[in-house]
C-alpha atoms as a PDB file:
ATOM      1  CA  UNK A   1     -20.489   6.896  20.626  1.00  0.00           C
ATOM      2  CA  UNK A   2     -20.295   5.638  17.069  1.00  0.00           C
ATOM      3  CA  UNK A   3     -16.812   4.119  16.993  1.00  0.00           C
ATOM      4  CA  UNK A   4     -13.619   4.119  19.069  1.00  0.00           C
ATOM      5  CA  UNK A   5     -10.123   3.943  17.608  1.00  0.00           C
ATOM      6  CA  UNK A   6      -7.666   3.674  20.490  1.00  0.00           C
ATOM      7  CA  UNK A   7      -8.688   6.525  22.777  1.00  0.00           C
ATOM      8  CA  UNK A   8     -10.281   8.578  19.972  1.00  0.00           C
ATOM      9  CA  UNK A   9     -14.079   8.507  20.064  1.00  0.00           C
ATOM     10  CA  UNK A  10     -16.008   9.118  16.845  1.00  0.00           C
ATOM     11  CA  UNK A  11     -19.167  10.983  17.849  1.00  0.00           C
ATOM     12  CA  UNK A  12     -21.124  14.129  16.930  1.00  0.00           C
ATOM     13  CA  UNK A  13     -18.699  16.401  18.807  1.00  0.00           C
ATOM     14  CA  UNK A  14     -15.560  14.948  17.148  1.00  0.00           C
ATOM     15  CA  UNK A  15     -15.739  13.194  13.746  1.00  0.00           C
ATOM     16  CA  UNK A  16     -19.245  11.935  12.991  1.00  0.00           C
ATOM     17  CA  UNK A  17     -18.668   9.900   9.843  1.00  0.00           C
ATOM     18  CA  UNK A  18     -21.566   9.443   7.437  1.00  0.00           C
ATOM     19  CA  UNK A  19     -20.116   6.388   5.705  1.00  0.00           C
ATOM     20  CA  UNK A  20     -18.203   3.332   6.890  1.00  0.00           C
ATOM     21  CA  UNK A  21     -16.958   1.009   4.161  1.00  0.00           C
ATOM     22  CA  UNK A  22     -15.337  -2.290   5.177  1.00  0.00           C
ATOM     23  CA  UNK A  23     -13.477  -4.401   2.616  1.00  0.00           C
ATOM     24  CA  UNK A  24     -11.987  -7.822   3.324  1.00  0.00           C
ATOM     25  CA  UNK A  25      -9.937  -9.546   0.629  1.00  0.00           C
ATOM     26  CA  UNK A  26      -9.366 -13.300   0.510  1.00  0.00           C
ATOM     27  CA  UNK A  27      -6.509 -15.065  -1.245  1.00  0.00           C
ATOM     28  CA  UNK A  28      -7.580 -17.621  -3.861  1.00  0.00           C
ATOM     29  CA  UNK A  29      -4.681 -18.277  -6.260  1.00  0.00           C
ATOM     30  CA  UNK A  30      -5.354 -20.496  -9.252  1.00  0.00           C
ATOM     31  CA  UNK A  31      -3.323 -23.212 -10.913  1.00  0.00           C
ATOM     32  CA  UNK A  32      -3.879 -23.760 -14.608  1.00  0.00           C
ATOM     33  CA  UNK A  33      -4.703 -27.335 -15.633  1.00  0.00           C
ATOM     34  CA  UNK A  34      -4.817 -28.907 -19.076  1.00  0.00           C
ATOM     35  CA  UNK A  35      -8.360 -29.578 -20.267  1.00  0.00           C
ATOM     36  CA  UNK A  36      -9.947 -28.514 -16.962  1.00  0.00           C
ATOM     37  CA  UNK A  37     -10.820 -25.386 -15.120  1.00  0.00           C
ATOM     38  CA  UNK A  38      -8.031 -23.881 -13.025  1.00  0.00           C
ATOM     39  CA  UNK A  39      -7.672 -25.389  -9.550  1.00  0.00           C
ATOM     40  CA  UNK A  40      -8.318 -22.835  -6.823  1.00  0.00           C
ATOM     41  CA  UNK A  41      -6.771 -22.957  -3.362  1.00  0.00           C
ATOM     42  CA  UNK A  42      -7.821 -20.884  -0.369  1.00  0.00           C
ATOM     43  CA  UNK A  43      -4.771 -19.395   1.377  1.00  0.00           C
ATOM     44  CA  UNK A  44      -6.568 -17.253   3.925  1.00  0.00           C
ATOM     45  CA  UNK A  45      -7.541 -13.680   4.570  1.00  0.00           C
ATOM     46  CA  UNK A  46      -5.521 -11.020   2.780  1.00  0.00           C
ATOM     47  CA  UNK A  47      -6.223  -7.413   3.822  1.00  0.00           C
ATOM     48  CA  UNK A  48      -9.049  -5.851   5.776  1.00  0.00           C
ATOM     49  CA  UNK A  49      -9.585  -2.143   5.209  1.00  0.00           C
ATOM     50  CA  UNK A  50     -12.065   0.314   6.643  1.00  0.00           C
ATOM     51  CA  UNK A  51     -12.781   3.714   5.102  1.00  0.00           C
ATOM     52  CA  UNK A  52     -14.608   6.330   7.157  1.00  0.00           C
ATOM     53  CA  UNK A  53     -15.855   9.416   5.361  1.00  0.00           C
ATOM     54  CA  UNK A  54     -18.086  12.311   6.138  1.00  0.00           C
ATOM     55  CA  UNK A  55     -18.498  16.039   6.420  1.00  0.00           C
ATOM     56  CA  UNK A  56     -17.848  18.230   9.420  1.00  0.00           C
ATOM     57  CA  UNK A  57     -19.694  21.442  10.067  1.00  0.00           C
ATOM     58  CA  UNK A  58     -17.492  23.044  12.756  1.00  0.00           C
ATOM     59  CA  UNK A  59     -20.382  25.147  14.096  1.00  0.00           C
ATOM     60  CA  UNK A  60     -22.300  21.948  14.916  1.00  0.00           C
ATOM     61  CA  UNK A  61     -19.864  19.014  14.885  1.00  0.00           C
ATOM     62  CA  UNK A  62     -16.165  18.559  15.505  1.00  0.00           C
ATOM     63  CA  UNK A  63     -13.617  20.461  13.482  1.00  0.00           C
ATOM     64  CA  UNK A  64      -9.921  20.919  12.883  1.00  0.00           C
ATOM     65  CA  UNK A  65      -8.914  19.887  16.419  1.00  0.00           C
ATOM     66  CA  UNK A  66     -10.569  16.496  15.986  1.00  0.00           C
ATOM     67  CA  UNK A  67      -8.746  15.958  12.710  1.00  0.00           C
ATOM     68  CA  UNK A  68      -5.504  17.099  14.343  1.00  0.00           C
ATOM     69  CA  UNK A  69      -5.938  14.510  17.107  1.00  0.00           C
ATOM     70  CA  UNK A  70      -6.419  11.776  14.508  1.00  0.00           C
ATOM     71  CA  UNK A  71      -3.347  12.966  12.579  1.00  0.00           C
ATOM     72  CA  UNK A  72      -1.279  12.887  15.771  1.00  0.00           C
ATOM     73  CA  UNK A  73      -2.376   9.290  16.355  1.00  0.00           C
ATOM     74  CA  UNK A  74      -1.306   8.437  12.793  1.00  0.00           C
ATOM     75  CA  UNK A  75       2.074  10.120  13.396  1.00  0.00           C
ATOM     76  CA  UNK A  76       2.738   7.674  16.249  1.00  0.00           C
ATOM     77  CA  UNK A  77       2.878   4.779  13.777  1.00  0.00           C
ATOM     78  CA  UNK A  78       1.011   2.457  16.133  1.00  0.00           C
ATOM     79  CA  UNK A  79      -1.876   0.046  15.779  1.00  0.00           C
ATOM     80  CA  UNK A  80      -5.032   0.952  17.680  1.00  0.00           C
ATOM     81  CA  UNK A  81      -7.991  -1.222  18.741  1.00  0.00           C
ATOM     82  CA  UNK A  82     -11.185  -0.461  16.803  1.00  0.00           C
ATOM     83  CA  UNK A  83     -14.601  -1.006  18.415  1.00  0.00           C
ATOM     84  CA  UNK A  84     -18.049   0.219  17.479  1.00  0.00           C
ATOM     85  CA  UNK A  85     -20.849   1.502  19.690  1.00  0.00           C
ATOM     86  CA  UNK A  86     -22.658  -1.853  19.732  1.00  0.00           C
ATOM     87  CA  UNK A  87     -19.575  -3.595  21.163  1.00  0.00           C
ATOM     88  CA  UNK A  88     -18.223  -5.176  17.977  1.00  0.00           C
ATOM     89  CA  UNK A  89     -14.444  -5.571  18.140  1.00  0.00           C
ATOM     90  CA  UNK A  90     -12.950  -5.147  14.675  1.00  0.00           C
ATOM     91  CA  UNK A  91      -9.303  -5.704  15.665  1.00  0.00           C
ATOM     92  CA  UNK A  92      -6.098  -3.678  15.658  1.00  0.00           C
ATOM     93  CA  UNK A  93      -5.899  -1.032  12.932  1.00  0.00           C
ATOM     94  CA  UNK A  94      -3.322   1.441  11.693  1.00  0.00           C
ATOM     95  CA  UNK A  95      -4.218   4.804  10.164  1.00  0.00           C
ATOM     96  CA  UNK A  96      -3.030   4.759   6.547  1.00  0.00           C
ATOM     97  CA  UNK A  97      -4.226   8.214   5.588  1.00  0.00           C
ATOM     98  CA  UNK A  98      -6.404  11.154   6.571  1.00  0.00           C
ATOM     99  CA  UNK A  99      -7.732  13.333   3.740  1.00  0.00           C
ATOM    100  CA  UNK A 100      -9.315  16.726   4.368  1.00  0.00           C
ATOM    101  CA  UNK A 101     -11.111  19.087   1.988  1.00  0.00           C
ATOM    102  CA  UNK A 102     -12.077  22.543   3.237  1.00  0.00           C
ATOM    103  CA  UNK A 103     -14.969  24.361   1.513  1.00  0.00           C
ATOM    104  CA  UNK A 104     -17.510  27.134   2.075  1.00  0.00           C
ATOM    105  CA  UNK A 105     -15.371  29.603   3.990  1.00  0.00           C
ATOM    106  CA  UNK A 106     -16.171  32.306   6.524  1.00  0.00           C
ATOM    107  CA  UNK A 107     -14.806  35.828   6.020  1.00  0.00           C
ATOM    108  CA  UNK A 108     -11.800  35.019   8.255  1.00  0.00           C
ATOM    109  CA  UNK A 109     -10.825  32.057   6.051  1.00  0.00           C
ATOM    110  CA  UNK A 110     -11.996  29.292   8.378  1.00  0.00           C
ATOM    111  CA  UNK A 111     -14.025  26.558   6.720  1.00  0.00           C
ATOM    112  CA  UNK A 112     -17.740  26.112   7.273  1.00  0.00           C
ATOM    113  CA  UNK A 113     -17.510  22.597   5.881  1.00  0.00           C
ATOM    114  CA  UNK A 114     -14.711  20.024   6.107  1.00  0.00           C
ATOM    115  CA  UNK A 115     -15.015  16.798   4.133  1.00  0.00           C
ATOM    116  CA  UNK A 116     -12.793  14.012   5.453  1.00  0.00           C
ATOM    117  CA  UNK A 117     -11.771  10.458   4.652  1.00  0.00           C
ATOM    118  CA  UNK A 118      -9.872   8.178   7.033  1.00  0.00           C
ATOM    119  CA  UNK A 119      -8.303   4.953   5.701  1.00  0.00           C
ATOM    120  CA  UNK A 120      -7.578   2.175   8.196  1.00  0.00           C
ATOM    121  CA  UNK A 121      -5.923  -1.229   7.697  1.00  0.00           C
ATOM    122  CA  UNK A 122      -6.113  -4.167  10.078  1.00  0.00           C
ATOM    123  CA  UNK A 123      -2.735  -5.457  11.238  1.00  0.00           C
ATOM    124  CA  UNK A 124      -3.437  -8.175  13.820  1.00  0.00           C
ATOM    125  CA  UNK A 125      -3.582 -11.851  12.880  1.00  0.00           C
ATOM    126  CA  UNK A 126      -6.952 -12.560  14.493  1.00  0.00           C
ATOM    127  CA  UNK A 127      -8.969 -11.650  17.546  1.00  0.00           C
ATOM    128  CA  UNK A 128      -7.565 -14.770  19.235  1.00  0.00           C
ATOM    129  CA  UNK A 129      -4.021 -13.590  18.562  1.00  0.00           C
ATOM    130  CA  UNK A 130      -4.923 -10.106  19.778  1.00  0.00           C
ATOM    131  CA  UNK A 131      -6.439 -11.208  23.087  1.00  0.00           C
ATOM    132  CA  UNK A 132      -4.663 -14.545  23.470  1.00  0.00           C
ATOM    133  CA  UNK A 133      -6.240 -17.780  24.570  1.00  0.00           C
ATOM    134  CA  UNK A 134      -8.998 -16.880  27.040  1.00  0.00           C
ATOM    135  CA  UNK A 135      -8.751 -20.313  28.695  1.00  0.00           C
ATOM    136  CA  UNK A 136      -5.018 -19.837  29.342  1.00  0.00           C
ATOM    137  CA  UNK A 137      -5.679 -16.380  30.778  1.00  0.00           C
ATOM    138  CA  UNK A 138      -8.437 -17.736  33.025  1.00  0.00           C
ATOM    139  CA  UNK A 139      -6.260 -20.665  34.230  1.00  0.00           C
ATOM    140  CA  UNK A 140      -3.399 -18.277  34.985  1.00  0.00           C
ATOM    141  CA  UNK A 141      -5.721 -15.959  36.901  1.00  0.00           C
ATOM    142  CA  UNK A 142      -7.175 -18.842  38.934  1.00  0.00           C
ATOM    143  CA  UNK A 143      -3.636 -20.103  39.690  1.00  0.00           C
ATOM    144  CA  UNK A 144      -2.531 -16.652  40.835  1.00  0.00           C
ATOM    145  CA  UNK A 145      -5.596 -16.225  43.063  1.00  0.00           C
ATOM    146  CA  UNK A 146      -5.136 -19.687  44.587  1.00  0.00           C
ATOM    147  CA  UNK A 147      -1.454 -19.051  45.343  1.00  0.00           C
ATOM    148  CA  UNK A 148      -2.239 -15.714  46.976  1.00  0.00           C
ATOM    149  CA  UNK A 149      -5.073 -17.192  49.039  1.00  0.00           C
ATOM    150  CA  UNK A 150      -2.867 -20.161  50.004  1.00  0.00           C
ATOM    151  CA  UNK A 151      -0.229 -17.726  51.233  1.00  0.00           C
ATOM    152  CA  UNK A 152      -2.736 -16.082  53.572  1.00  0.00           C
ATOM    153  CA  UNK A 153      -3.495 -19.267  55.479  1.00  0.00           C
END
């Protein structure tokens, strides 16, 4: 497994991307000052985008069905959790676009090669906001277990 977006697994049999580009923008507006350099102020993280691109060879890798599954996920208009194979949690992402280029055709018109690009944008505030406060979740769990155990005795 290379990457998971929701329930879609990027791997050799589906969409093995050859390139993952991650861009994070930060907001630093400036205020002009007389006789001095502009004053800069950090306002926080702006947008985080991930671009996955690669080439499919349907005889070896995934093909049109894998791209169709990704397009159906995009049609839902939902945010999906994004995790990589090493366990890194990137956050909740929406699918902005899926581009496909078909080349090198067989006699029946099916493509031997499909180049693709998938554009994702992060939509959650932070991992803390996504998962909540772990301490609060743990306290709630302990309270629930204690009340259930107390009810047994």
